[in-house]
């Protein structure tokens, strides 16, 4: 699954808050160097974890969403499951940190 670029509060509601599984949302800005460093990691996670919905929200273009999520520092990555925020990570971390969180928050695998 590729990264979804959220353009509006309505799209966020539809894509993330009503999603029944795990979603990861990267709040970022073009002007932010650490945000640009995190970008490739977010893209990699989307490629490796097709069962997780991964999105990016540009805080400069979506100030209403940034305010609703009390984003005061960027980048900040929210883990949302079944419409509820379950964790957030501020700053840039190695891909392994995000992968560990995905594993911890993902639903158990269904038996075949």
PDB file of N, CA and C in Angstrom:
ATOM      1  N   UNK A   1       0.847  -1.172   0.000  1.00  0.00           N
ATOM      2  CA  UNK A   1       0.000   0.000   0.000  1.00  0.00           C
ATOM      3  C   UNK A   1       0.891   1.233   0.000  1.00  0.00           C
ATOM      4  N   UNK A   2       0.561   2.190  -0.789  1.00  0.00           N
ATOM      5  CA  UNK A   2       1.372   3.402  -0.819  1.00  0.00           C
ATOM      6  C   UNK A   2       0.893   4.380   0.246  1.00  0.00           C
ATOM      7  N   UNK A   3       1.711   5.362   0.524  1.00  0.00           N
ATOM      8  CA  UNK A   3       1.391   6.375   1.522  1.00  0.00           C
ATOM      9  C   UNK A   3       0.255   7.245   0.998  1.00  0.00           C
ATOM     10  N   UNK A   4      -0.720   7.502   1.861  1.00  0.00           N
ATOM     11  CA  UNK A   4      -1.850   8.363   1.524  1.00  0.00           C
ATOM     12  C   UNK A   4      -1.507   9.772   1.984  1.00  0.00           C
ATOM     13  N   UNK A   5      -1.683  10.733   1.097  1.00  0.00           N
ATOM     14  CA  UNK A   5      -1.452  12.133   1.453  1.00  0.00           C
ATOM     15  C   UNK A   5      -2.796  12.756   1.789  1.00  0.00           C
ATOM     16  N   UNK A   6      -2.992  13.055   3.063  1.00  0.00           N
ATOM     17  CA  UNK A   6      -4.258  13.583   3.552  1.00  0.00           C
ATOM     18  C   UNK A   6      -4.342  15.069   3.216  1.00  0.00           C
ATOM     19  N   UNK A   7      -5.424  15.435   2.537  1.00  0.00           N
ATOM     20  CA  UNK A   7      -5.611  16.812   2.098  1.00  0.00           C
ATOM     21  C   UNK A   7      -6.669  17.567   2.887  1.00  0.00           C
ATOM     22  N   UNK A   8      -7.496  16.855   3.672  1.00  0.00           N
ATOM     23  CA  UNK A   8      -8.590  17.527   4.377  1.00  0.00           C
ATOM     24  C   UNK A   8      -8.993  16.734   5.623  1.00  0.00           C
ATOM     25  N   UNK A   9      -9.725  17.404   6.487  1.00  0.00           N
ATOM     26  CA  UNK A   9     -10.254  16.757   7.684  1.00  0.00           C
ATOM     27  C   UNK A   9     -11.215  15.642   7.295  1.00  0.00           C
ATOM     28  N   UNK A  10     -12.006  15.891   6.260  1.00  0.00           N
ATOM     29  CA  UNK A  10     -12.955  14.884   5.794  1.00  0.00           C
ATOM     30  C   UNK A  10     -12.233  13.635   5.300  1.00  0.00           C
ATOM     31  N   UNK A  11     -11.164  13.821   4.544  1.00  0.00           N
ATOM     32  CA  UNK A  11     -10.386  12.677   4.054  1.00  0.00           C
ATOM     33  C   UNK A  11      -9.751  11.930   5.225  1.00  0.00           C
ATOM     34  N   UNK A  12      -9.268  12.655   6.229  1.00  0.00           N
ATOM     35  CA  UNK A  12      -8.682  12.031   7.414  1.00  0.00           C
ATOM     36  C   UNK A  12      -9.721  11.160   8.110  1.00  0.00           C
ATOM     37  N   UNK A  13     -10.922  11.707   8.262  1.00  0.00           N
ATOM     38  CA  UNK A  13     -12.011  10.959   8.898  1.00  0.00           C
ATOM     39  C   UNK A  13     -12.280   9.664   8.128  1.00  0.00           C
ATOM     40  N   UNK A  14     -12.396   9.777   6.814  1.00  0.00           N
ATOM     41  CA  UNK A  14     -12.737   8.633   5.959  1.00  0.00           C
ATOM     42  C   UNK A  14     -11.619   7.592   5.921  1.00  0.00           C
ATOM     43  N   UNK A  15     -10.393   8.048   5.739  1.00  0.00           N
ATOM     44  CA  UNK A  15      -9.265   7.131   5.547  1.00  0.00           C
ATOM     45  C   UNK A  15      -8.698   6.556   6.851  1.00  0.00           C
ATOM     46  N   UNK A  16      -8.660   7.375   7.896  1.00  0.00           N
ATOM     47  CA  UNK A  16      -7.955   6.975   9.122  1.00  0.00           C
ATOM     48  C   UNK A  16      -8.904   6.644  10.273  1.00  0.00           C
ATOM     49  N   UNK A  17      -9.777   7.559  10.601  1.00  0.00           N
ATOM     50  CA  UNK A  17     -10.597   7.365  11.803  1.00  0.00           C
ATOM     51  C   UNK A  17     -11.637   6.271  11.661  1.00  0.00           C
ATOM     52  N   UNK A  18     -12.050   5.957  10.450  1.00  0.00           N
ATOM     53  CA  UNK A  18     -13.011   4.871  10.261  1.00  0.00           C
ATOM     54  C   UNK A  18     -12.342   3.566   9.851  1.00  0.00           C
ATOM     55  N   UNK A  19     -11.016   3.586   9.700  1.00  0.00           N
ATOM     56  CA  UNK A  19     -10.272   2.376   9.338  1.00  0.00           C
ATOM     57  C   UNK A  19     -10.300   1.403  10.516  1.00  0.00           C
ATOM     58  N   UNK A  20     -10.688   0.151  10.286  1.00  0.00           N
ATOM     59  CA  UNK A  20     -10.832  -0.806  11.390  1.00  0.00           C
ATOM     60  C   UNK A  20      -9.515  -1.352  11.950  1.00  0.00           C
ATOM     61  N   UNK A  21      -8.410  -1.103  11.307  1.00  0.00           N
ATOM     62  CA  UNK A  21      -7.142  -1.653  11.778  1.00  0.00           C
ATOM     63  C   UNK A  21      -6.173  -0.567  12.199  1.00  0.00           C
ATOM     64  N   UNK A  22      -4.891  -0.876  12.106  1.00  0.00           N
ATOM     65  CA  UNK A  22      -3.827   0.035  12.511  1.00  0.00           C
ATOM     66  C   UNK A  22      -3.521   1.027  11.395  1.00  0.00           C
ATOM     67  N   UNK A  23      -3.421   2.293  11.783  1.00  0.00           N
ATOM     68  CA  UNK A  23      -3.000   3.357  10.871  1.00  0.00           C
ATOM     69  C   UNK A  23      -1.826   4.092  11.507  1.00  0.00           C
ATOM     70  N   UNK A  24      -0.951   4.578  10.649  1.00  0.00           N
ATOM     71  CA  UNK A  24       0.169   5.407  11.097  1.00  0.00           C
ATOM     72  C   UNK A  24       0.059   6.723  10.352  1.00  0.00           C
ATOM     73  N   UNK A  25       0.124   7.827  11.097  1.00  0.00           N
ATOM     74  CA  UNK A  25       0.003   9.146  10.485  1.00  0.00           C
ATOM     75  C   UNK A  25       1.224   9.974  10.845  1.00  0.00           C
ATOM     76  N   UNK A  26       1.926  10.430   9.811  1.00  0.00           N
ATOM     77  CA  UNK A  26       3.112  11.269   9.957  1.00  0.00           C
ATOM     78  C   UNK A  26       2.689  12.719   9.748  1.00  0.00           C
ATOM     79  N   UNK A  27       2.736  13.519  10.817  1.00  0.00           N
ATOM     80  CA  UNK A  27       2.499  14.956  10.707  1.00  0.00           C
ATOM     81  C   UNK A  27       3.846  15.607  10.430  1.00  0.00           C
ATOM     82  N   UNK A  28       3.932  16.351   9.327  1.00  0.00           N
ATOM     83  CA  UNK A  28       5.213  16.855   8.854  1.00  0.00           C
ATOM     84  C   UNK A  28       5.018  18.205   8.163  1.00  0.00           C
ATOM     85  N   UNK A  29       6.133  18.816   7.721  1.00  0.00           N
ATOM     86  CA  UNK A  29       6.111  20.027   6.906  1.00  0.00           C
ATOM     87  C   UNK A  29       7.318  20.022   5.981  1.00  0.00           C
ATOM     88  N   UNK A  30       7.130  20.608   4.826  1.00  0.00           N
ATOM     89  CA  UNK A  30       8.195  20.688   3.814  1.00  0.00           C
ATOM     90  C   UNK A  30       9.417  21.431   4.360  1.00  0.00           C
ATOM     91  N   UNK A  31       9.200  22.428   5.180  1.00  0.00           N
ATOM     92  CA  UNK A  31      10.257  23.291   5.720  1.00  0.00           C
ATOM     93  C   UNK A  31      11.102  22.608   6.797  1.00  0.00           C
ATOM     94  N   UNK A  32      10.708  21.421   7.215  1.00  0.00           N
ATOM     95  CA  UNK A  32      11.303  20.719   8.356  1.00  0.00           C
ATOM     96  C   UNK A  32      12.326  19.688   7.877  1.00  0.00           C
ATOM     97  N   UNK A  33      13.600  19.922   8.191  1.00  0.00           N
ATOM     98  CA  UNK A  33      14.655  18.985   7.802  1.00  0.00           C
ATOM     99  C   UNK A  33      14.465  17.583   8.359  1.00  0.00           C
ATOM    100  N   UNK A  34      14.209  17.444   9.668  1.00  0.00           N
ATOM    101  CA  UNK A  34      13.978  16.096  10.214  1.00  0.00           C
ATOM    102  C   UNK A  34      12.777  15.401   9.565  1.00  0.00           C
ATOM    103  N   UNK A  35      11.761  16.183   9.197  1.00  0.00           N
ATOM    104  CA  UNK A  35      10.587  15.600   8.523  1.00  0.00           C
ATOM    105  C   UNK A  35      10.997  14.983   7.182  1.00  0.00           C
ATOM    106  N   UNK A  36      11.869  15.679   6.464  1.00  0.00           N
ATOM    107  CA  UNK A  36      12.333  15.160   5.171  1.00  0.00           C
ATOM    108  C   UNK A  36      13.194  13.912   5.371  1.00  0.00           C
ATOM    109  N   UNK A  37      13.902  13.830   6.502  1.00  0.00           N
ATOM    110  CA  UNK A  37      14.689  12.632   6.814  1.00  0.00           C
ATOM    111  C   UNK A  37      13.771  11.442   7.107  1.00  0.00           C
ATOM    112  N   UNK A  38      12.629  11.708   7.738  1.00  0.00           N
ATOM    113  CA  UNK A  38      11.694  10.654   8.094  1.00  0.00           C
ATOM    114  C   UNK A  38      10.924  10.143   6.874  1.00  0.00           C
ATOM    115  N   UNK A  39      10.758  10.976   5.865  1.00  0.00           N
ATOM    116  CA  UNK A  39       9.970  10.619   4.683  1.00  0.00           C
ATOM    117  C   UNK A  39      10.302   9.258   4.082  1.00  0.00           C
ATOM    118  N   UNK A  40      11.568   8.975   3.786  1.00  0.00           N
ATOM    119  CA  UNK A  40      11.906   7.661   3.213  1.00  0.00           C
ATOM    120  C   UNK A  40      11.591   6.489   4.138  1.00  0.00           C
ATOM    121  N   UNK A  41      11.679   6.700   5.437  1.00  0.00           N
ATOM    122  CA  UNK A  41      11.339   5.640   6.388  1.00  0.00           C
ATOM    123  C   UNK A  41       9.845   5.345   6.318  1.00  0.00           C
ATOM    124  N   UNK A  42       9.039   6.390   6.244  1.00  0.00           N
ATOM    125  CA  UNK A  42       7.581   6.229   6.137  1.00  0.00           C
ATOM    126  C   UNK A  42       7.239   5.488   4.844  1.00  0.00           C
ATOM    127  N   UNK A  43       7.889   5.848   3.748  1.00  0.00           N
ATOM    128  CA  UNK A  43       7.668   5.168   2.462  1.00  0.00           C
ATOM    129  C   UNK A  43       8.036   3.687   2.566  1.00  0.00           C
ATOM    130  N   UNK A  44       9.164   3.392   3.221  1.00  0.00           N
ATOM    131  CA  UNK A  44       9.619   2.006   3.404  1.00  0.00           C
ATOM    132  C   UNK A  44       8.601   1.213   4.230  1.00  0.00           C
ATOM    133  N   UNK A  45       8.088   1.814   5.291  1.00  0.00           N
ATOM    134  CA  UNK A  45       7.092   1.138   6.120  1.00  0.00           C
ATOM    135  C   UNK A  45       5.846   0.804   5.308  1.00  0.00           C
ATOM    136  N   UNK A  46       5.438   1.726   4.449  1.00  0.00           N
ATOM    137  CA  UNK A  46       4.249   1.493   3.618  1.00  0.00           C
ATOM    138  C   UNK A  46       4.464   0.324   2.667  1.00  0.00           C
ATOM    139  N   UNK A  47       5.672   0.193   2.142  1.00  0.00           N
ATOM    140  CA  UNK A  47       5.982  -0.910   1.232  1.00  0.00           C
ATOM    141  C   UNK A  47       6.038  -2.249   1.962  1.00  0.00           C
ATOM    142  N   UNK A  48       6.567  -2.240   3.180  1.00  0.00           N
ATOM    143  CA  UNK A  48       6.773  -3.484   3.924  1.00  0.00           C
ATOM    144  C   UNK A  48       5.546  -3.938   4.715  1.00  0.00           C
ATOM    145  N   UNK A  49       4.644  -3.025   5.022  1.00  0.00           N
ATOM    146  CA  UNK A  49       3.490  -3.341   5.880  1.00  0.00           C
ATOM    147  C   UNK A  49       2.200  -2.986   5.146  1.00  0.00           C
ATOM    148  N   UNK A  50       1.850  -3.827   4.200  1.00  0.00           N
ATOM    149  CA  UNK A  50       0.672  -3.580   3.355  1.00  0.00           C
ATOM    150  C   UNK A  50      -0.636  -3.608   4.154  1.00  0.00           C
ATOM    151  N   UNK A  51      -0.620  -4.252   5.313  1.00  0.00           N
ATOM    152  CA  UNK A  51      -1.828  -4.353   6.131  1.00  0.00           C
ATOM    153  C   UNK A  51      -2.041  -3.135   7.026  1.00  0.00           C
ATOM    154  N   UNK A  52      -1.086  -2.210   7.031  1.00  0.00           N
ATOM    155  CA  UNK A  52      -1.182  -1.008   7.849  1.00  0.00           C
ATOM    156  C   UNK A  52      -1.431   0.179   6.921  1.00  0.00           C
ATOM    157  N   UNK A  53      -2.406   1.002   7.274  1.00  0.00           N
ATOM    158  CA  UNK A  53      -2.693   2.203   6.484  1.00  0.00           C
ATOM    159  C   UNK A  53      -1.749   3.302   6.959  1.00  0.00           C
ATOM    160  N   UNK A  54      -0.960   3.835   6.042  1.00  0.00           N
ATOM    161  CA  UNK A  54       0.042   4.846   6.392  1.00  0.00           C
ATOM    162  C   UNK A  54      -0.253   6.128   5.628  1.00  0.00           C
ATOM    163  N   UNK A  55      -0.272   7.236   6.384  1.00  0.00           N
ATOM    164  CA  UNK A  55      -0.634   8.522   5.794  1.00  0.00           C
ATOM    165  C   UNK A  55       0.315   9.618   6.262  1.00  0.00           C
ATOM    166  N   UNK A  56       0.331  10.695   5.483  1.00  0.00           N
ATOM    167  CA  UNK A  56       1.100  11.879   5.831  1.00  0.00           C
ATOM    168  C   UNK A  56       0.146  13.071   5.834  1.00  0.00           C
ATOM    169  N   UNK A  57       0.342  13.953   6.823  1.00  0.00           N
ATOM    170  CA  UNK A  57      -0.433  15.187   6.913  1.00  0.00           C
ATOM    171  C   UNK A  57       0.550  16.347   6.960  1.00  0.00           C
ATOM    172  N   UNK A  58       0.492  17.213   5.960  1.00  0.00           N
ATOM    173  CA  UNK A  58       1.325  18.412   5.933  1.00  0.00           C
ATOM    174  C   UNK A  58       0.673  19.432   6.858  1.00  0.00           C
ATOM    175  N   UNK A  59       1.343  19.765   7.962  1.00  0.00           N
ATOM    176  CA  UNK A  59       0.742  20.645   8.967  1.00  0.00           C
ATOM    177  C   UNK A  59       0.538  22.064   8.461  1.00  0.00           C
ATOM    178  N   UNK A  60       1.336  22.488   7.488  1.00  0.00           N
ATOM    179  CA  UNK A  60       1.162  23.829   6.930  1.00  0.00           C
ATOM    180  C   UNK A  60      -0.097  23.912   6.076  1.00  0.00           C
ATOM    181  N   UNK A  61      -0.469  22.823   5.456  1.00  0.00           N
ATOM    182  CA  UNK A  61      -1.655  22.793   4.603  1.00  0.00           C
ATOM    183  C   UNK A  61      -2.895  22.305   5.342  1.00  0.00           C
ATOM    184  N   UNK A  62      -2.715  21.698   6.511  1.00  0.00           N
ATOM    185  CA  UNK A  62      -3.821  21.132   7.282  1.00  0.00           C
ATOM    186  C   UNK A  62      -3.718  21.563   8.737  1.00  0.00           C
ATOM    187  N   UNK A  63      -3.778  22.870   8.960  1.00  0.00           N
ATOM    188  CA  UNK A  63      -3.616  23.401  10.311  1.00  0.00           C
ATOM    189  C   UNK A  63      -4.746  22.963  11.241  1.00  0.00           C
ATOM    190  N   UNK A  64      -5.936  22.749  10.687  1.00  0.00           N
ATOM    191  CA  UNK A  64      -7.059  22.298  11.505  1.00  0.00           C
ATOM    192  C   UNK A  64      -6.778  20.916  12.103  1.00  0.00           C
ATOM    193  N   UNK A  65      -6.275  19.998  11.274  1.00  0.00           N
ATOM    194  CA  UNK A  65      -5.934  18.654  11.771  1.00  0.00           C
ATOM    195  C   UNK A  65      -4.781  18.711  12.763  1.00  0.00           C
ATOM    196  N   UNK A  66      -3.772  19.516  12.454  1.00  0.00           N
ATOM    197  CA  UNK A  66      -2.632  19.644  13.369  1.00  0.00           C
ATOM    198  C   UNK A  66      -3.096  20.156  14.721  1.00  0.00           C
ATOM    199  N   UNK A  67      -4.011  21.100  14.721  1.00  0.00           N
ATOM    200  CA  UNK A  67      -4.555  21.622  15.972  1.00  0.00           C
ATOM    201  C   UNK A  67      -5.368  20.583  16.709  1.00  0.00           C
ATOM    202  N   UNK A  68      -6.178  19.839  15.977  1.00  0.00           N
ATOM    203  CA  UNK A  68      -7.022  18.810  16.584  1.00  0.00           C
ATOM    204  C   UNK A  68      -6.176  17.738  17.278  1.00  0.00           C
ATOM    205  N   UNK A  69      -4.990  17.475  16.742  1.00  0.00           N
ATOM    206  CA  UNK A  69      -4.109  16.460  17.316  1.00  0.00           C
ATOM    207  C   UNK A  69      -3.020  17.073  18.199  1.00  0.00           C
ATOM    208  N   UNK A  70      -3.166  18.350  18.491  1.00  0.00           N
ATOM    209  CA  UNK A  70      -2.245  19.066  19.368  1.00  0.00           C
ATOM    210  C   UNK A  70      -0.792  18.883  18.951  1.00  0.00           C
ATOM    211  N   UNK A  71      -0.544  19.008  17.646  1.00  0.00           N
ATOM    212  CA  UNK A  71       0.811  18.875  17.125  1.00  0.00           C
ATOM    213  C   UNK A  71       1.571  20.163  17.431  1.00  0.00           C
ATOM    214  N   UNK A  72       2.589  20.048  18.278  1.00  0.00           N
ATOM    215  CA  UNK A  72       3.392  21.216  18.625  1.00  0.00           C
ATOM    216  C   UNK A  72       4.836  21.065  18.165  1.00  0.00           C
ATOM    217  N   UNK A  73       5.247  19.847  17.862  1.00  0.00           N
ATOM    218  CA  UNK A  73       6.579  19.566  17.342  1.00  0.00           C
ATOM    219  C   UNK A  73       6.437  18.609  16.170  1.00  0.00           C
ATOM    220  N   UNK A  74       7.264  18.830  15.155  1.00  0.00           N
ATOM    221  CA  UNK A  74       7.251  17.925  14.002  1.00  0.00           C
ATOM    222  C   UNK A  74       8.673  17.458  13.736  1.00  0.00           C
ATOM    223  N   UNK A  75       8.825  16.273  13.173  1.00  0.00           N
ATOM    224  CA  UNK A  75       7.769  15.339  12.840  1.00  0.00           C
ATOM    225  C   UNK A  75       7.217  14.651  14.091  1.00  0.00           C
ATOM    226  N   UNK A  76       5.959  14.252  13.984  1.00  0.00           N
ATOM    227  CA  UNK A  76       5.342  13.436  15.019  1.00  0.00           C
ATOM    228  C   UNK A  76       4.518  12.369  14.303  1.00  0.00           C
ATOM    229  N   UNK A  77       4.691  11.142  14.729  1.00  0.00           N
ATOM    230  CA  UNK A  77       4.009  10.010  14.109  1.00  0.00           C
ATOM    231  C   UNK A  77       2.995   9.457  15.114  1.00  0.00           C
ATOM    232  N   UNK A  78       1.738   9.420  14.679  1.00  0.00           N
ATOM    233  CA  UNK A  78       0.660   8.876  15.506  1.00  0.00           C
ATOM    234  C   UNK A  78       0.329   7.461  15.062  1.00  0.00           C
ATOM    235  N   UNK A  79       0.124   6.596  16.040  1.00  0.00           N
ATOM    236  CA  UNK A  79      -0.373   5.245  15.788  1.00  0.00           C
ATOM    237  C   UNK A  79      -1.838   5.258  16.207  1.00  0.00           C
ATOM    238  N   UNK A  80      -2.726   4.952  15.275  1.00  0.00           N
ATOM    239  CA  UNK A  80      -4.158   5.012  15.503  1.00  0.00           C
ATOM    240  C   UNK A  80      -4.742   3.648  15.167  1.00  0.00           C
ATOM    241  N   UNK A  81      -5.517   3.103  16.084  1.00  0.00           N
ATOM    242  CA  UNK A  81      -6.133   1.792  15.851  1.00  0.00           C
ATOM    243  C   UNK A  81      -7.620   1.900  16.141  1.00  0.00           C
ATOM    244  N   UNK A  82      -8.405   1.480  15.168  1.00  0.00           N
ATOM    245  CA  UNK A  82      -9.863   1.537  15.299  1.00  0.00           C
ATOM    246  C   UNK A  82     -10.335   2.936  15.679  1.00  0.00           C
ATOM    247  N   UNK A  83      -9.688   3.959  15.099  1.00  0.00           N
ATOM    248  CA  UNK A  83     -10.097   5.337  15.306  1.00  0.00           C
ATOM    249  C   UNK A  83      -9.571   5.997  16.565  1.00  0.00           C
ATOM    250  N   UNK A  84      -8.780   5.282  17.367  1.00  0.00           N
ATOM    251  CA  UNK A  84      -8.265   5.813  18.634  1.00  0.00           C
ATOM    252  C   UNK A  84      -6.746   5.924  18.591  1.00  0.00           C
ATOM    253  N   UNK A  85      -6.224   7.053  19.053  1.00  0.00           N
ATOM    254  CA  UNK A  85      -4.773   7.224  19.160  1.00  0.00           C
ATOM    255  C   UNK A  85      -4.275   6.306  20.266  1.00  0.00           C
ATOM    256  N   UNK A  86      -3.308   5.450  19.911  1.00  0.00           N
ATOM    257  CA  UNK A  86      -2.773   4.523  20.911  1.00  0.00           C
ATOM    258  C   UNK A  86      -1.330   4.851  21.291  1.00  0.00           C
ATOM    259  N   UNK A  87      -0.656   5.642  20.448  1.00  0.00           N
ATOM    260  CA  UNK A  87       0.730   6.014  20.750  1.00  0.00           C
ATOM    261  C   UNK A  87       1.166   7.099  19.785  1.00  0.00           C
ATOM    262  N   UNK A  88       2.187   7.855  20.208  1.00  0.00           N
ATOM    263  CA  UNK A  88       2.801   8.815  19.297  1.00  0.00           C
ATOM    264  C   UNK A  88       4.289   8.889  19.558  1.00  0.00           C
ATOM    265  N   UNK A  89       5.030   9.156  18.502  1.00  0.00           N
ATOM    266  CA  UNK A  89       6.483   9.263  18.599  1.00  0.00           C
ATOM    267  C   UNK A  89       6.880  10.609  17.992  1.00  0.00           C
ATOM    268  N   UNK A  90       7.551  11.440  18.781  1.00  0.00           N
ATOM    269  CA  UNK A  90       8.010  12.739  18.311  1.00  0.00           C
ATOM    270  C   UNK A  90       9.458  12.610  17.860  1.00  0.00           C
ATOM    271  N   UNK A  91       9.774  13.226  16.718  1.00  0.00           N
ATOM    272  CA  UNK A  91      11.139  13.214  16.208  1.00  0.00           C
ATOM    273  C   UNK A  91      11.386  12.061  15.255  1.00  0.00           C
ATOM    274  N   UNK A  92      12.611  11.997  14.774  1.00  0.00           N
ATOM    275  CA  UNK A  92      13.009  10.954  13.828  1.00  0.00           C
ATOM    276  C   UNK A  92      13.660   9.810  14.587  1.00  0.00           C
ATOM    277  N   UNK A  93      13.257   8.605  14.252  1.00  0.00           N
ATOM    278  CA  UNK A  93      13.836   7.402  14.851  1.00  0.00           C
ATOM    279  C   UNK A  93      14.224   6.443  13.729  1.00  0.00           C
ATOM    280  N   UNK A  94      15.057   5.448  14.031  1.00  0.00           N
ATOM    281  CA  UNK A  94      15.372   4.437  13.023  1.00  0.00           C
ATOM    282  C   UNK A  94      14.113   3.659  12.638  1.00  0.00           C
ATOM    283  N   UNK A  95      14.100   3.117  11.450  1.00  0.00           N
ATOM    284  CA  UNK A  95      12.957   2.333  10.966  1.00  0.00           C
ATOM    285  C   UNK A  95      12.598   1.223  11.950  1.00  0.00           C
ATOM    286  N   UNK A  96      13.592   0.650  12.611  1.00  0.00           N
ATOM    287  CA  UNK A  96      13.339  -0.460  13.533  1.00  0.00           C
ATOM    288  C   UNK A  96      12.395  -0.068  14.665  1.00  0.00           C
ATOM    289  N   UNK A  97      12.441   1.176  15.112  1.00  0.00           N
ATOM    290  CA  UNK A  97      11.561   1.638  16.193  1.00  0.00           C
ATOM    291  C   UNK A  97      10.107   1.585  15.734  1.00  0.00           C
ATOM    292  N   UNK A  98       9.852   2.076  14.523  1.00  0.00           N
ATOM    293  CA  UNK A  98       8.490   2.077  13.985  1.00  0.00           C
ATOM    294  C   UNK A  98       8.013   0.652  13.712  1.00  0.00           C
ATOM    295  N   UNK A  99       8.925  -0.183  13.232  1.00  0.00           N
ATOM    296  CA  UNK A  99       8.571  -1.582  12.970  1.00  0.00           C
ATOM    297  C   UNK A  99       8.199  -2.309  14.257  1.00  0.00           C
ATOM    298  N   UNK A 100       8.923  -2.040  15.333  1.00  0.00           N
ATOM    299  CA  UNK A 100       8.601  -2.650  16.626  1.00  0.00           C
ATOM    300  C   UNK A 100       7.220  -2.222  17.094  1.00  0.00           C
ATOM    301  N   UNK A 101       6.894  -0.939  16.899  1.00  0.00           N
ATOM    302  CA  UNK A 101       5.584  -0.431  17.309  1.00  0.00           C
ATOM    303  C   UNK A 101       4.476  -1.057  16.459  1.00  0.00           C
ATOM    304  N   UNK A 102       4.731  -1.208  15.167  1.00  0.00           N
ATOM    305  CA  UNK A 102       3.747  -1.851  14.294  1.00  0.00           C
ATOM    306  C   UNK A 102       3.486  -3.268  14.772  1.00  0.00           C
ATOM    307  N   UNK A 103       4.552  -4.003  15.064  1.00  0.00           N
ATOM    308  CA  UNK A 103       4.403  -5.385  15.533  1.00  0.00           C
ATOM    309  C   UNK A 103       3.620  -5.431  16.849  1.00  0.00           C
ATOM    310  N   UNK A 104       3.904  -4.499  17.741  1.00  0.00           N
ATOM    311  CA  UNK A 104       3.249  -4.487  19.040  1.00  0.00           C
ATOM    312  C   UNK A 104       1.772  -4.134  18.944  1.00  0.00           C
ATOM    313  N   UNK A 105       1.421  -3.289  17.981  1.00  0.00           N
ATOM    314  CA  UNK A 105       0.041  -2.807  17.871  1.00  0.00           C
ATOM    315  C   UNK A 105      -0.804  -3.514  16.824  1.00  0.00           C
ATOM    316  N   UNK A 106      -0.176  -4.354  16.033  1.00  0.00           N
ATOM    317  CA  UNK A 106      -0.936  -5.051  14.987  1.00  0.00           C
ATOM    318  C   UNK A 106      -1.776  -6.170  15.593  1.00  0.00           C
ATOM    319  N   UNK A 107      -2.887  -6.423  14.972  1.00  0.00           N
ATOM    320  CA  UNK A 107      -3.750  -7.513  15.424  1.00  0.00           C
ATOM    321  C   UNK A 107      -3.034  -8.834  15.204  1.00  0.00           C
ATOM    322  N   UNK A 108      -3.293  -9.832  16.020  1.00  0.00           N
ATOM    323  CA  UNK A 108      -2.658 -11.138  15.824  1.00  0.00           C
ATOM    324  C   UNK A 108      -3.049 -11.703  14.447  1.00  0.00           C
ATOM    325  N   UNK A 109      -2.151 -12.441  13.861  1.00  0.00           N
ATOM    326  CA  UNK A 109      -2.400 -13.019  12.546  1.00  0.00           C
ATOM    327  C   UNK A 109      -3.544 -14.033  12.647  1.00  0.00           C
ATOM    328  N   UNK A 110      -4.370 -14.040  11.631  1.00  0.00           N
ATOM    329  CA  UNK A 110      -5.483 -14.989  11.591  1.00  0.00           C
ATOM    330  C   UNK A 110      -4.973 -16.339  11.089  1.00  0.00           C
ATOM    331  N   UNK A 111      -5.510 -17.395  11.659  1.00  0.00           N
ATOM    332  CA  UNK A 111      -5.120 -18.735  11.228  1.00  0.00           C
ATOM    333  C   UNK A 111      -5.644 -18.991   9.816  1.00  0.00           C
ATOM    334  N   UNK A 112      -4.835 -19.641   9.005  1.00  0.00           N
ATOM    335  CA  UNK A 112      -5.225 -19.895   7.615  1.00  0.00           C
ATOM    336  C   UNK A 112      -6.197 -21.046   7.517  1.00  0.00           C
TER     337      UNK A 112
END
